[in-house]
Amino acid sequence: MSSKACRICKKESKDKNLDLNILGVLICKTCLKNITESNIGTLKYGYYKQVIKKMWIDYITANC
């Protein structure tokens, strides 16, 4: 996966200014919108929660 690809949807970023780079991982504008609009307790919320948890685990493993 390219460093320009969103970690969640795997699509290539077209506008870096609208994306979020957190812990060296890119999250695109569309996925950010989906994350912020997800209701707690939904399957979508649980999915995003697991993806972000994996990002933290990968970061900690690589940097500690």
Protein backbone atom coordinates (compact mmCIF):
# COMPACT_ATOMS: atom_id res chain seq x y z
CA MET A 1 0.00 0.00 0.00
CA SER A 2 1.34 3.41 -0.95
CA SER A 3 1.96 6.00 1.76
CA LYS A 4 -0.50 8.15 -0.22
CA ALA A 5 -3.28 5.56 0.20
CA CYS A 6 -5.86 5.78 2.95
CA ARG A 7 -5.31 3.13 5.62
CA ILE A 8 -9.04 2.45 5.86
CA CYS A 9 -10.40 2.44 2.29
CA LYS A 10 -7.04 1.88 0.52
CA LYS A 11 -7.84 4.57 -2.09
CA GLU A 12 -5.12 6.92 -3.26
CA SER A 13 -5.30 10.43 -1.82
CA LYS A 14 -6.05 13.21 -4.29
CA ASP A 15 -5.90 16.18 -1.92
CA LYS A 16 -3.44 15.88 0.95
CA ASN A 17 -4.72 19.14 2.46
CA LEU A 18 -8.05 17.50 3.30
CA ASP A 19 -6.62 14.25 4.69
CA LEU A 20 -5.35 13.40 8.17
CA ASN A 21 -1.92 11.96 8.76
CA ILE A 22 -1.80 10.46 12.23
CA LEU A 23 1.02 8.28 13.53
CA GLY A 24 2.40 8.23 9.98
CA VAL A 25 -0.83 6.77 8.60
CA LEU A 26 -3.07 8.56 6.11
CA ILE A 27 -6.85 8.72 6.58
CA CYS A 28 -8.76 10.30 3.69
CA LYS A 29 -11.42 12.99 3.95
CA THR A 30 -14.23 10.54 3.15
CA CYS A 31 -13.20 8.08 5.87
CA LEU A 32 -12.74 10.91 8.37
CA LYS A 33 -16.28 12.04 7.63
CA ASN A 34 -17.59 8.48 8.03
CA ILE A 35 -15.75 8.09 11.35
CA THR A 36 -17.11 11.33 12.79
CA GLU A 37 -20.66 10.56 11.67
CA SER A 38 -20.73 6.97 12.96
CA ASN A 39 -23.04 6.29 15.88
CA ILE A 40 -21.62 4.46 18.88
CA GLY A 41 -22.74 0.85 18.92
CA THR A 42 -23.11 0.46 15.15
CA LEU A 43 -21.10 -2.01 13.10
CA LYS A 44 -19.46 0.86 11.24
CA TYR A 45 -18.33 2.42 14.53
CA GLY A 46 -16.91 -0.90 15.70
CA TYR A 47 -15.02 -1.33 12.44
CA TYR A 48 -13.42 2.12 12.63
CA LYS A 49 -12.59 1.56 16.29
CA GLN A 50 -10.72 -1.65 15.42
CA VAL A 51 -8.84 -0.01 12.54
CA ILE A 52 -7.68 2.86 14.77
CA LYS A 53 -6.73 0.42 17.52
CA LYS A 54 -4.58 -1.51 15.02
CA MET A 55 -2.92 1.76 13.96
CA TRP A 56 -1.92 2.40 17.59
CA ILE A 57 -0.67 -1.15 18.09
CA ASP A 58 1.41 -0.99 14.89
CA TYR A 59 2.84 2.38 15.93
CA ILE A 60 3.74 1.21 19.44
CA THR A 61 5.27 -2.02 18.13
CA ALA A 62 7.41 -0.18 15.58
CA ASN A 63 8.56 2.60 17.93
CA CYS A 64 9.13 0.95 21.29
